[in-house]
Protein backbone atom coordinates (compact mmCIF):
# COMPACT_ATOMS: atom_id res chain seq x y z
CA MET A 1 -18.55 -7.26 4.76
CA ASP A 2 -22.15 -6.00 4.76
CA PHE A 3 -21.09 -2.59 4.59
CA ASN A 4 -20.71 -1.19 0.98
CA PRO A 5 -19.01 2.23 1.19
CA GLY A 6 -19.88 2.88 -2.49
CA LEU A 7 -16.10 3.80 -3.24
CA ARG A 8 -14.13 2.97 -6.12
CA ILE A 9 -10.43 1.94 -5.80
CA GLY A 10 -8.09 4.75 -6.50
CA GLN A 11 -11.07 7.35 -5.44
CA ILE A 12 -9.82 10.61 -3.63
CA ILE A 13 -12.08 11.90 -0.93
CA ASN A 14 -11.70 14.66 2.02
CA ASN A 15 -12.01 14.02 5.83
CA ARG A 16 -15.41 15.39 6.23
CA GLU A 17 -16.53 13.04 3.28
CA LEU A 18 -14.60 9.59 4.89
CA VAL A 19 -16.34 10.77 8.32
CA GLU A 20 -19.74 10.89 6.54
CA ILE A 21 -19.62 7.64 4.89
CA PHE A 22 -18.06 5.55 7.43
CA LYS A 23 -19.52 6.89 10.55
CA CYS A 24 -16.51 7.36 12.23
CA GLY A 25 -14.22 9.81 14.21
CA ILE A 26 -12.59 12.92 12.77
CA MET A 27 -9.37 12.34 13.62
CA GLY A 28 -6.56 9.41 13.84
CA GLY A 29 -4.86 7.12 11.59
CA MET A 30 -7.10 4.07 12.94
CA ARG A 31 -11.12 4.70 13.32
CA ARG A 32 -13.50 2.12 14.80
CA SER A 33 -17.00 2.69 13.36
CA LYS A 34 -19.68 0.71 15.25
CA ALA A 35 -22.14 1.92 13.13
CA THR A 36 -20.83 0.33 9.96
CA ASN A 37 -18.96 -2.27 11.73
CA THR A 38 -15.70 -0.99 9.75
CA LEU A 39 -12.02 0.00 11.27
CA VAL A 40 -10.68 2.97 8.63
CA ILE A 41 -7.09 3.05 8.65
CA VAL A 42 -5.07 5.63 7.04
CA THR A 43 -1.06 5.40 6.12
CA ASP A 44 -0.57 9.46 6.12
CA HIS A 45 3.07 9.86 3.95
CA THR A 46 2.97 13.59 4.75
CA LYS A 47 3.32 13.05 8.35
CA LYS A 48 6.99 11.60 9.63
CA LEU A 49 5.49 10.03 12.98
CA TYR A 50 4.61 6.64 11.82
CA LYS A 51 7.30 4.70 9.62
CA ASP A 52 4.82 2.80 7.49
CA LYS A 53 5.83 1.51 4.62
CA TRP A 54 4.91 -0.79 1.47
CA LYS A 55 6.89 -4.07 0.55
CA ASP A 56 5.72 -6.73 -2.27
CA GLY A 57 2.33 -5.52 -2.35
CA VAL A 58 2.24 -5.64 1.87
CA LEU A 59 1.71 -2.55 3.74
CA TYR A 60 3.89 -2.84 7.18
CA TYR A 61 1.76 -0.25 9.33
CA THR A 62 2.75 1.47 12.38
CA GLY A 63 -0.13 1.00 14.96
CA MET A 64 -1.88 3.83 17.57
CA GLY A 65 -0.40 6.09 19.72
CA LYS A 66 1.66 9.14 19.41
CA VAL A 67 3.59 9.30 22.78
CA GLY A 68 5.05 6.69 24.77
CA ASP A 69 5.00 2.19 24.10
CA GLN A 70 2.31 1.13 22.14
CA ASP A 71 -0.21 -1.42 23.31
CA LEU A 72 -1.01 -4.11 21.43
CA TYR A 73 -4.28 -5.03 23.30
CA TRP A 74 -5.59 -1.78 23.58
CA GLY A 75 -7.83 0.50 21.65
CA GLN A 76 -7.96 -0.10 17.60
CA ASP A 77 -4.24 -2.17 17.73
CA ALA A 78 -6.31 -4.65 19.40
CA THR A 79 -9.18 -4.29 16.83
CA LEU A 80 -6.85 -4.78 14.00
CA ALA A 81 -5.23 -7.90 15.91
CA ASN A 82 -7.71 -9.60 16.22
CA TYR A 83 -9.25 -9.56 12.76
CA SER A 84 -9.65 -12.67 11.82
CA LYS A 85 -12.24 -12.98 14.98
CA ASN A 86 -14.07 -9.87 15.36
CA GLY A 87 -15.83 -9.79 12.21
CA VAL A 88 -14.97 -5.96 11.45
CA ASP A 89 -14.46 -5.06 8.11
CA VAL A 90 -11.06 -3.07 7.52
CA HIS A 91 -10.80 -0.20 4.79
CA LEU A 92 -7.56 1.67 4.01
CA PHE A 93 -7.07 4.96 2.82
CA GLU A 94 -3.72 6.42 1.61
CA VAL A 95 -2.82 9.95 2.04
CA MET A 96 0.15 11.28 -0.53
CA ASN A 97 -1.24 14.99 -0.33
CA SER A 98 -2.24 16.69 2.46
CA GLY A 99 -6.37 16.46 3.00
CA GLU A 100 -6.88 14.25 0.04
CA TYR A 101 -7.50 10.58 1.32
CA THR A 102 -7.27 7.51 -1.83
CA TYR A 103 -9.57 4.80 -1.40
CA CYS A 104 -7.32 1.50 -1.29
CA GLY A 105 -10.34 -0.93 -0.69
CA LEU A 106 -10.84 -3.78 2.00
CA VAL A 107 -7.85 -5.09 3.30
CA GLU A 108 -6.66 -8.19 5.59
CA LEU A 109 -4.29 -8.92 8.18
CA VAL A 110 -1.82 -11.45 6.53
CA GLY A 111 1.10 -11.44 9.31
CA LYS A 112 1.48 -11.45 13.22
CA PRO A 113 1.70 -7.93 14.38
CA TYR A 114 5.50 -7.56 15.56
CA ALA A 115 7.04 -4.99 17.75
CA ASP A 116 9.80 -2.47 16.19
CA THR A 117 11.62 0.37 17.86
CA GLN A 118 10.32 4.29 16.52
CA THR A 119 10.62 7.36 18.06
CA ASP A 120 7.70 9.17 19.47
CA GLU A 121 6.18 12.64 19.38
CA ASP A 122 8.84 13.97 21.77
CA GLU A 123 11.60 12.03 19.86
CA ARG A 124 12.19 9.22 22.24
CA GLU A 125 12.51 5.94 21.30
CA ARG A 126 9.47 3.61 22.29
CA LYS A 127 8.05 0.07 20.91
CA VAL A 128 5.82 0.45 18.44
CA TRP A 129 3.45 -2.40 16.93
CA ILE A 130 3.73 -3.09 13.25
CA PHE A 131 0.70 -4.83 11.41
CA PRO A 132 1.61 -6.61 8.04
CA ILE A 133 -1.64 -6.09 5.91
CA ARG A 134 -2.51 -6.28 2.10
CA PRO A 135 -5.70 -5.64 -0.57
CA ILE A 136 -7.74 -8.35 -0.09
CA SER A 137 -7.80 -9.68 -3.75
CA ASP A 138 -11.24 -9.34 -4.42
CA ASN A 139 -10.22 -5.81 -4.72
CA ASN A 140 -8.65 -6.21 -7.71
CA PHE A 141 -5.81 -4.57 -7.20
CA ILE A 142 -2.16 -4.89 -5.74
CA LYS A 143 -0.82 -1.58 -3.98
CA THR A 144 2.56 -0.66 -4.11
CA GLY A 145 3.41 2.94 -3.04
CA LYS A 146 1.72 5.15 -5.20
CA CYS A 147 1.28 3.20 -7.97
CA THR A 148 -1.94 0.92 -8.24
CA HIS A 149 -1.50 -2.41 -10.50
CA LYS A 150 -4.87 -4.14 -11.87
CA VAL A 151 -4.81 -7.69 -11.09
CA ILE A 152 -5.82 -9.43 -14.34
CA ASN A 153 -5.38 -12.81 -13.40
CA ILE A 154 -5.24 -15.11 -10.28
CA THR A 155 -3.92 -18.47 -10.87
CA ASP A 156 -5.12 -20.08 -7.27
CA LYS A 157 -6.11 -19.07 -3.71
CA ILE A 158 -5.89 -22.01 -1.44
CA ASN A 159 -7.70 -20.21 1.58
CA LYS A 160 -7.46 -16.89 3.20
CA HIS A 161 -4.08 -17.49 4.74
CA GLU A 162 -2.65 -18.41 1.65
CA TYR A 163 -1.96 -17.13 -2.36
CA GLY A 164 -0.49 -18.45 -5.17
CA VAL A 165 0.48 -16.28 -8.43
CA MET A 166 -0.99 -12.84 -9.24
CA GLU A 167 -0.55 -11.36 -12.42
CA ALA A 168 -1.06 -7.39 -12.31
CA GLU A 169 -0.61 -4.24 -15.38
CA ASP A 170 0.52 -1.21 -13.96
CA ASN A 171 -1.99 1.74 -14.83
CA ASN A 172 0.03 2.76 -17.99
CA GLY A 173 -0.53 -0.81 -19.32
CA TYR A 174 3.36 -0.39 -19.92
CA ALA A 175 4.40 -3.54 -17.66
CA LYS A 176 3.07 -6.68 -16.01
CA PHE A 177 4.20 -7.54 -12.50
CA ILE A 178 3.83 -11.47 -11.54
CA TYR A 179 3.81 -12.02 -8.01
CA ASN A 180 4.40 -15.00 -5.91
CA ASN A 181 2.47 -14.77 -2.75
CA THR A 182 2.51 -17.67 -0.20
CA ILE A 183 1.71 -17.40 3.83
CA ASN A 184 3.26 -20.45 5.76
CA SER A 185 1.58 -21.66 9.05
CA GLU A 186 3.39 -18.60 11.36
CA LEU A 187 1.70 -16.38 9.09
CA GLU A 188 4.74 -15.18 7.85
CA VAL A 189 4.48 -13.40 4.43
CA GLU A 190 7.29 -14.45 1.65
CA SER A 191 6.21 -12.47 -1.40
CA LYS A 192 8.50 -12.38 -4.86
CA SER A 193 7.58 -10.23 -7.85
CA GLN A 194 8.57 -10.41 -11.23
CA VAL A 195 8.01 -7.70 -14.07
CA LYS A 196 8.22 -7.66 -17.55
CA ILE A 197 8.06 -4.11 -19.46
CA PHE A 198 6.50 -3.96 -22.48
CA ASP A 199 8.68 -2.30 -25.38
CA LYS A 200 5.84 0.28 -26.37
CA CYS A 201 6.93 2.40 -23.17
CA ILE A 202 9.98 3.07 -25.46
CA GLY A 203 10.02 6.73 -26.85
CA ARG A 204 7.73 8.06 -23.62
CA GLN A 205 8.83 10.82 -21.84
CA ILE A 206 9.45 10.69 -18.23
CA ASN A 207 9.81 13.47 -15.12
CA HIS A 208 11.59 11.90 -12.78
CA LYS A 209 12.15 14.09 -9.21
CA ARG A 210 15.92 13.61 -9.19
CA PHE A 211 17.10 13.81 -12.98
CA GLY A 212 14.05 15.30 -14.48
CA ILE A 213 12.73 15.22 -17.90
CA GLY A 214 13.90 12.12 -19.76
CA THR A 215 13.03 9.69 -22.46
CA ILE A 216 12.95 6.01 -22.20
CA LYS A 217 15.59 4.39 -25.11
CA GLU A 218 15.72 0.56 -23.84
CA VAL A 219 14.05 -2.08 -21.91
CA GLU A 220 16.43 -4.26 -20.00
CA LYS A 221 14.99 -7.05 -18.30
CA SER A 222 12.94 -5.27 -15.58
CA ASN A 223 15.08 -2.02 -15.83
CA ILE A 224 14.38 1.02 -18.35
CA VAL A 225 17.27 3.00 -19.85
CA VAL A 226 16.36 6.53 -19.49
CA GLU A 227 18.12 9.28 -21.74
CA PHE A 228 17.88 12.78 -19.63
CA GLU A 229 18.66 16.13 -20.75
CA GLY A 230 22.31 17.00 -19.68
CA LYS A 231 22.58 14.17 -17.62
CA GLY A 232 22.84 11.30 -20.38
CA LYS A 233 21.44 7.85 -19.77
CA LYS A 234 20.65 6.26 -16.25
CA LYS A 235 19.36 2.43 -15.75
CA LEU A 236 16.87 2.51 -13.58
CA SER A 237 14.40 -0.20 -11.84
CA TYR A 238 10.82 0.82 -13.34
CA GLU A 239 9.30 -1.31 -9.95
CA LEU A 240 11.29 0.52 -7.97
CA CYS A 241 10.28 4.08 -9.56
CA LEU A 242 6.85 3.22 -9.06
CA ILE A 243 7.27 1.99 -5.11
CA LYS A 244 8.76 5.15 -4.31
CA GLY A 245 6.71 7.61 -6.94
CA LEU A 246 10.21 8.65 -8.50
CA ILE A 247 8.57 9.09 -12.24
CA GLU A 248 5.53 10.06 -13.68
CA PHE A 249 4.85 9.90 -17.53
CA ILE A 250 4.38 13.32 -19.38
């Protein structure tokens, strides 16, 4: 980890700045730079070709190649697959709005790449490779969709392939997320999370993508009860709303 891009977690830059900082190519979701000994990977939610998804703090990232079957032993798929051996640092960016690259920091491969089926650019079924990756704990954050949680306590990190409990708070300080993450000898991720919502969010207004403007009236375990204008009360999973970017506080 000799190269420091000088970016803070959550910082948004454009593509030109990304290229200048990492000395990498201007296109593609996986960009290798020998000058900085890095691999930049981009998960772009504005494009529908790749089906990347976050689950329990792990990003299931689709490999490179737009047409036909992907090859695990070719190009930057091979670079990422050999993460534990080649000494290349992997930096993640997430795009939620076109042209805006949000820096997510260093990531590591935490599971064995596995084959899946998706459609290619010509809308034909093909084999793709999925890479389970997650932010390295030293980044002090856990990423789940649009929400960045700051880690406030790590009770145990046994080694590179095994984690204990992580506690994190959301950006607003309204909830605590307790993640229990372990990785077994086959490098399969097992992750569970608990959510504790603080009462101080009661009375706050939110804007929900489907239901519109509403006010948080109650907290029930990991759920919030929101009264929406003209739609009555709805019970919502706080964590799911954050992961899918369904709500924003106003």
